[in-house]
Amino acid sequence: MPEESDRILDVVAENPGATVEEITDLAHDRGITNAGIPDLLSKAESDDDLLEFDGRYWVMRTDKYRFHRYDHPEI
């Protein structure tokens, strides 16, 4: 299951702000057929890997998803 969790995180990272339905469709396009995708998203959120707001998901900037430097436009 960790492998599927990583694959779901990749889907969300490539599609920030996606809904559960969109993530499910995108995951199926990538060959992830696990019917428990909402459970995987909930687990990732509880592990602080994902942020859910208003029914949409974003990957937290940790590990391989973090920026190498802060790129605020005013700096």
Protein backbone atom coordinates (compact mmCIF):
# COMPACT_ATOMS: atom_id res chain seq x y z
CA MET A 1 0.00 0.00 0.00
CA PRO A 2 2.83 2.50 0.54
CA GLU A 3 3.63 2.27 -3.15
CA GLU A 4 0.05 3.22 -4.07
CA SER A 5 0.17 6.05 -1.54
CA ASP A 6 3.30 7.41 -3.23
CA ARG A 7 1.65 7.14 -6.63
CA ILE A 8 -1.42 9.02 -5.37
CA LEU A 9 0.85 11.75 -3.97
CA ASP A 10 2.48 12.02 -7.40
CA VAL A 11 -0.95 12.40 -9.03
CA VAL A 12 -1.90 15.18 -6.59
CA ALA A 13 1.48 16.90 -6.95
CA GLU A 14 1.03 17.01 -10.73
CA ASN A 15 -2.57 18.24 -10.40
CA PRO A 16 -2.74 20.69 -7.49
CA GLY A 17 -6.22 21.61 -6.33
CA ALA A 18 -7.82 18.45 -7.75
CA THR A 19 -10.99 16.99 -6.25
CA VAL A 20 -11.38 13.36 -5.16
CA GLU A 21 -13.23 12.61 -8.38
CA GLU A 22 -10.52 14.19 -10.52
CA ILE A 23 -7.78 12.38 -8.58
CA THR A 24 -9.64 9.09 -8.98
CA ASP A 25 -9.96 9.59 -12.75
CA LEU A 26 -6.31 10.60 -13.08
CA ALA A 27 -5.22 7.66 -10.94
CA HIS A 28 -7.21 5.24 -13.10
CA ASP A 29 -5.55 6.74 -16.19
CA ARG A 30 -2.21 5.82 -14.58
CA GLY A 31 -3.30 2.27 -13.83
CA ILE A 32 -4.06 2.79 -10.14
CA THR A 33 -7.29 0.88 -9.74
CA ASN A 34 -7.53 0.84 -5.95
CA ALA A 35 -11.13 1.54 -4.96
CA GLY A 36 -9.87 2.98 -1.66
CA ILE A 37 -8.44 6.18 -3.12
CA PRO A 38 -10.44 8.38 -0.70
CA ASP A 39 -8.94 6.32 2.15
CA LEU A 40 -5.44 6.80 0.73
CA LEU A 41 -6.07 10.56 0.53
CA SER A 42 -7.34 10.64 4.12
CA LYS A 43 -4.29 8.70 5.34
CA ALA A 44 -1.93 11.01 3.45
CA GLU A 45 -3.72 14.02 4.92
CA SER A 46 -3.44 12.63 8.46
CA ASP A 47 0.29 12.03 7.82
CA ASP A 48 0.62 15.72 6.80
CA ASP A 49 1.56 14.78 3.24
CA LEU A 50 -1.57 16.39 1.77
CA LEU A 51 -3.62 19.45 2.51
CA GLU A 52 -7.35 19.35 1.86
CA PHE A 53 -9.31 22.58 1.65
CA ASP A 54 -12.78 23.06 0.25
CA GLY A 55 -12.82 19.56 -1.24
CA ARG A 56 -9.54 20.02 -3.12
CA TYR A 57 -6.12 18.54 -2.41
CA TRP A 58 -2.56 19.83 -2.51
CA VAL A 59 0.74 18.11 -1.68
CA MET A 60 2.57 19.62 1.25
CA ARG A 61 6.05 20.82 0.24
CA THR A 62 8.02 18.06 1.94
CA ASP A 63 10.61 15.55 0.80
CA LYS A 64 10.77 15.33 -2.97
CA TYR A 65 8.01 17.92 -3.46
CA ARG A 66 9.61 20.83 -1.62
CA PHE A 67 11.18 23.80 -3.37
CA HIS A 68 14.94 24.09 -3.27
CA ARG A 69 14.60 27.72 -2.30
CA TYR A 70 11.80 30.06 -1.43
CA ASP A 71 10.76 31.90 -4.59
CA HIS A 72 8.58 34.70 -3.27
CA PRO A 73 8.15 37.35 -5.99
CA GLU A 74 9.08 40.23 -3.66
CA ILE A 75 12.52 38.83 -2.80
